């Protein structure tokens, strides 16, 4: 977007050395002014944070496994694998 479409706010921003170097590198690569690269980078970062925050959290739905065979221990995975696949599975 052009400068005429946005109100500008002048501020002082202290950047970590690694971030400043990456922004300067992007400025040279893109052939754009530093200000434009910083604004575009911030817009993308803020948009991705909003998108990430709006996703639904992963939920696990518990299911009843029913009655297991006698001697099967479903809460001990290592023991269950050994019972099903034998001791060679280790």
N, C-alpha and C. Protein backbone atom coordinates (compact mmCIF):
# COMPACT_ATOMS: atom_id res chain seq x y z
N UNK A 1 0.83 -1.16 0.00
CA UNK A 1 0.00 0.00 0.00
C UNK A 1 0.88 1.23 0.00
N UNK A 2 0.42 2.27 -0.59
CA UNK A 2 1.23 3.48 -0.67
C UNK A 2 1.14 4.27 0.62
N UNK A 3 2.08 5.21 0.80
CA UNK A 3 2.11 6.04 2.00
C UNK A 3 0.84 6.86 2.15
N UNK A 4 0.20 7.23 1.03
CA UNK A 4 -0.99 8.06 1.10
C UNK A 4 -2.18 7.30 1.67
N UNK A 5 -2.13 5.98 1.71
CA UNK A 5 -3.22 5.18 2.22
C UNK A 5 -3.09 4.91 3.72
N UNK A 6 -1.96 5.26 4.32
CA UNK A 6 -1.73 4.98 5.74
C UNK A 6 -1.27 6.25 6.43
N UNK A 7 -1.74 6.43 7.64
CA UNK A 7 -1.20 7.47 8.49
C UNK A 7 0.12 6.95 9.04
N UNK A 8 1.12 7.77 9.09
CA UNK A 8 2.42 7.33 9.58
C UNK A 8 2.64 7.84 11.00
N UNK A 9 3.25 7.00 11.82
CA UNK A 9 3.63 7.38 13.16
C UNK A 9 5.14 7.24 13.26
N UNK A 10 5.80 8.30 13.61
CA UNK A 10 7.24 8.25 13.76
C UNK A 10 7.55 7.77 15.17
N UNK A 11 8.42 6.78 15.26
CA UNK A 11 8.79 6.23 16.57
C UNK A 11 10.22 5.73 16.51
N UNK A 12 10.82 5.58 17.66
CA UNK A 12 12.16 5.00 17.75
C UNK A 12 12.00 3.55 18.16
N UNK A 13 12.67 2.68 17.43
CA UNK A 13 12.57 1.25 17.68
C UNK A 13 13.97 0.69 17.81
N UNK A 14 14.24 -0.04 18.87
CA UNK A 14 15.54 -0.66 19.06
C UNK A 14 15.44 -2.12 18.61
N UNK A 15 16.23 -2.46 17.60
CA UNK A 15 16.21 -3.81 17.04
C UNK A 15 17.42 -4.60 17.51
N UNK A 16 17.23 -5.88 17.75
CA UNK A 16 18.37 -6.75 18.02
C UNK A 16 19.24 -6.80 16.77
N UNK A 17 20.54 -7.00 16.95
CA UNK A 17 21.48 -6.97 15.83
C UNK A 17 21.12 -7.97 14.73
N UNK A 18 20.70 -9.18 15.13
CA UNK A 18 20.38 -10.20 14.13
C UNK A 18 19.15 -9.81 13.31
N UNK A 19 18.16 -9.19 13.94
CA UNK A 19 16.95 -8.77 13.24
C UNK A 19 17.27 -7.61 12.30
N UNK A 20 18.06 -6.66 12.77
CA UNK A 20 18.45 -5.53 11.93
C UNK A 20 19.20 -6.01 10.69
N UNK A 21 20.08 -6.98 10.87
CA UNK A 21 20.85 -7.50 9.74
C UNK A 21 19.94 -8.19 8.73
N UNK A 22 18.96 -8.96 9.21
CA UNK A 22 18.03 -9.64 8.30
C UNK A 22 17.18 -8.63 7.56
N UNK A 23 16.72 -7.58 8.24
CA UNK A 23 15.92 -6.55 7.59
C UNK A 23 16.74 -5.80 6.54
N UNK A 24 17.97 -5.48 6.87
CA UNK A 24 18.84 -4.79 5.90
C UNK A 24 19.10 -5.67 4.69
N UNK A 25 19.31 -6.96 4.92
CA UNK A 25 19.53 -7.90 3.83
C UNK A 25 18.29 -7.96 2.93
N UNK A 26 17.11 -8.01 3.54
CA UNK A 26 15.86 -8.03 2.77
C UNK A 26 15.67 -6.73 2.00
N UNK A 27 16.09 -5.62 2.60
CA UNK A 27 16.01 -4.32 1.93
C UNK A 27 16.83 -4.33 0.64
N UNK A 28 18.05 -4.87 0.72
CA UNK A 28 18.91 -4.95 -0.47
C UNK A 28 18.32 -5.92 -1.49
N UNK A 29 17.85 -7.08 -1.02
CA UNK A 29 17.31 -8.09 -1.92
C UNK A 29 16.08 -7.58 -2.66
N UNK A 30 15.17 -6.94 -1.91
CA UNK A 30 13.90 -6.49 -2.49
C UNK A 30 14.01 -5.15 -3.20
N UNK A 31 15.08 -4.43 -2.92
CA UNK A 31 15.22 -3.10 -3.52
C UNK A 31 14.17 -2.13 -3.01
N UNK A 32 13.78 -2.30 -1.76
CA UNK A 32 12.76 -1.44 -1.16
C UNK A 32 13.38 -0.67 0.00
N UNK A 33 12.76 0.44 0.36
CA UNK A 33 13.25 1.19 1.52
C UNK A 33 13.10 0.38 2.81
N UNK A 34 14.00 0.64 3.75
CA UNK A 34 14.01 -0.06 5.04
C UNK A 34 12.64 0.04 5.71
N UNK A 35 12.07 1.23 5.71
CA UNK A 35 10.76 1.46 6.34
C UNK A 35 9.71 0.51 5.76
N UNK A 36 9.67 0.36 4.44
CA UNK A 36 8.69 -0.51 3.80
C UNK A 36 8.89 -1.97 4.19
N UNK A 37 10.15 -2.40 4.23
CA UNK A 37 10.44 -3.79 4.60
C UNK A 37 10.03 -4.05 6.04
N UNK A 38 10.31 -3.13 6.94
CA UNK A 38 9.91 -3.29 8.35
C UNK A 38 8.40 -3.36 8.46
N UNK A 39 7.69 -2.44 7.81
CA UNK A 39 6.23 -2.43 7.88
C UNK A 39 5.62 -3.70 7.29
N UNK A 40 6.10 -4.14 6.14
CA UNK A 40 5.59 -5.37 5.52
C UNK A 40 5.84 -6.58 6.42
N UNK A 41 7.03 -6.65 7.00
CA UNK A 41 7.38 -7.77 7.87
C UNK A 41 6.50 -7.79 9.12
N UNK A 42 6.28 -6.63 9.70
CA UNK A 42 5.41 -6.56 10.88
C UNK A 42 3.97 -6.93 10.52
N UNK A 43 3.48 -6.46 9.39
CA UNK A 43 2.11 -6.82 8.97
C UNK A 43 1.95 -8.33 8.81
N UNK A 44 2.93 -8.95 8.13
CA UNK A 44 2.86 -10.41 7.94
C UNK A 44 2.92 -11.14 9.27
N UNK A 45 3.80 -10.71 10.14
CA UNK A 45 3.95 -11.35 11.45
C UNK A 45 2.69 -11.21 12.29
N UNK A 46 2.11 -10.03 12.31
CA UNK A 46 0.88 -9.82 13.08
C UNK A 46 -0.28 -10.62 12.50
N UNK A 47 -0.37 -10.68 11.18
CA UNK A 47 -1.44 -11.45 10.53
C UNK A 47 -1.30 -12.94 10.85
N UNK A 48 -0.08 -13.46 10.84
CA UNK A 48 0.11 -14.89 11.12
C UNK A 48 -0.19 -15.20 12.59
N UNK A 49 0.07 -14.26 13.48
CA UNK A 49 -0.26 -14.48 14.90
C UNK A 49 -1.76 -14.52 15.08
N UNK A 50 -2.48 -13.64 14.39
CA UNK A 50 -3.95 -13.64 14.48
C UNK A 50 -4.50 -14.94 13.92
N UNK A 51 -3.95 -15.40 12.80
CA UNK A 51 -4.42 -16.64 12.18
C UNK A 51 -4.16 -17.82 13.11
N UNK A 52 -3.00 -17.85 13.74
CA UNK A 52 -2.66 -18.95 14.65
C UNK A 52 -3.55 -18.93 15.89
N UNK A 53 -3.89 -17.74 16.37
CA UNK A 53 -4.73 -17.62 17.56
C UNK A 53 -6.17 -18.01 17.28
N UNK A 54 -6.59 -17.92 16.02
CA UNK A 54 -7.99 -18.21 15.70
C UNK A 54 -8.25 -19.67 15.38
N UNK A 55 -7.21 -20.50 15.33
CA UNK A 55 -7.42 -21.91 15.05
C UNK A 55 -7.93 -22.62 16.30
N UNK A 56 -8.74 -23.62 16.08
CA UNK A 56 -9.29 -24.39 17.19
C UNK A 56 -8.19 -25.24 17.83
N UNK A 57 -8.18 -25.34 19.15
CA UNK A 57 -7.19 -26.20 19.81
C UNK A 57 -7.47 -27.67 19.50
N UNK A 58 -6.41 -28.44 19.44
CA UNK A 58 -6.53 -29.89 19.19
C UNK A 58 -7.15 -30.53 20.42
N UNK A 59 -8.14 -31.38 20.18
CA UNK A 59 -8.79 -32.07 21.29
C UNK A 59 -8.72 -33.57 21.06
N UNK A 60 -8.45 -34.29 22.12
CA UNK A 60 -8.43 -35.75 22.09
C UNK A 60 -9.76 -36.25 22.63
N UNK A 61 -10.38 -37.12 21.87
CA UNK A 61 -11.64 -37.71 22.32
C UNK A 61 -11.34 -39.11 22.84
N UNK A 62 -11.63 -39.31 24.11
CA UNK A 62 -11.39 -40.62 24.73
C UNK A 62 -12.44 -41.62 24.25
N UNK A 63 -12.00 -42.81 24.01
CA UNK A 63 -12.90 -43.86 23.56
C UNK A 63 -12.77 -45.07 24.50
N UNK A 64 -13.88 -45.69 24.77
CA UNK A 64 -13.87 -46.90 25.60
C UNK A 64 -13.31 -48.04 24.76
N UNK A 65 -12.25 -48.67 25.22
CA UNK A 65 -11.62 -49.77 24.49
C UNK A 65 -12.29 -51.10 24.81
N UNK A 66 -13.28 -51.06 25.64
CA UNK A 66 -13.99 -52.29 25.96
C UNK A 66 -13.19 -53.17 26.90
N UNK A 67 -13.66 -54.37 27.06
CA UNK A 67 -12.96 -55.32 27.92
C UNK A 67 -11.80 -55.93 27.15
N UNK A 68 -10.64 -55.93 27.77
CA UNK A 68 -9.48 -56.54 27.14
C UNK A 68 -9.36 -57.99 27.60
N UNK A 69 -8.54 -58.71 26.93
CA UNK A 69 -8.31 -60.10 27.32
C UNK A 69 -7.65 -60.14 28.69
N UNK A 70 -7.89 -61.18 29.46
CA UNK A 70 -7.24 -61.29 30.76
C UNK A 70 -5.72 -61.21 30.61
N UNK A 71 -5.07 -60.46 31.46
CA UNK A 71 -3.61 -60.33 31.42
C UNK A 71 -3.13 -59.23 30.50
N UNK A 72 -4.02 -58.56 29.75
CA UNK A 72 -3.62 -57.46 28.86
C UNK A 72 -3.66 -56.16 29.66
N UNK A 73 -2.59 -55.41 29.63
CA UNK A 73 -2.51 -54.17 30.38
C UNK A 73 -2.45 -53.00 29.39
N UNK A 74 -3.58 -52.37 29.14
CA UNK A 74 -3.66 -51.31 28.15
C UNK A 74 -3.00 -50.01 28.61
N UNK A 75 -2.73 -49.86 29.88
CA UNK A 75 -2.12 -48.64 30.38
C UNK A 75 -0.59 -48.74 30.45
N UNK A 76 -0.02 -49.84 30.05
CA UNK A 76 1.44 -50.03 30.01
C UNK A 76 1.81 -50.42 28.58
N UNK A 77 2.14 -49.43 27.76
CA UNK A 77 2.35 -49.65 26.33
C UNK A 77 3.48 -50.63 26.06
N UNK A 78 4.59 -50.50 26.74
CA UNK A 78 5.72 -51.40 26.51
C UNK A 78 5.33 -52.84 26.81
N UNK A 79 4.63 -53.04 27.90
CA UNK A 79 4.21 -54.39 28.28
C UNK A 79 3.18 -54.93 27.27
N UNK A 80 2.26 -54.08 26.80
CA UNK A 80 1.26 -54.48 25.83
C UNK A 80 1.90 -54.91 24.51
N UNK A 81 2.88 -54.12 24.04
CA UNK A 81 3.58 -54.47 22.79
C UNK A 81 4.30 -55.80 22.95
N UNK A 82 4.94 -56.00 24.10
CA UNK A 82 5.63 -57.27 24.33
C UNK A 82 4.64 -58.43 24.35
N UNK A 83 3.48 -58.23 24.92
CA UNK A 83 2.46 -59.28 24.97
C UNK A 83 1.95 -59.61 23.58
N UNK A 84 1.76 -58.58 22.75
CA UNK A 84 1.19 -58.79 21.41
C UNK A 84 2.25 -59.28 20.42
N UNK A 85 3.45 -58.64 20.44
CA UNK A 85 4.46 -58.92 19.42
C UNK A 85 5.60 -59.81 19.92
N UNK A 86 5.65 -60.07 21.20
CA UNK A 86 6.71 -60.89 21.75
C UNK A 86 7.89 -60.05 22.19
N UNK A 87 8.82 -60.67 22.93
CA UNK A 87 9.95 -59.95 23.48
C UNK A 87 10.94 -59.47 22.41
N UNK A 88 10.88 -60.03 21.21
CA UNK A 88 11.77 -59.60 20.12
C UNK A 88 11.43 -58.21 19.61
N UNK A 89 10.26 -57.70 19.94
CA UNK A 89 9.82 -56.38 19.47
C UNK A 89 10.56 -55.25 20.15
N UNK A 90 11.23 -55.56 21.22
CA UNK A 90 11.97 -54.51 21.96
C UNK A 90 13.14 -54.11 21.20
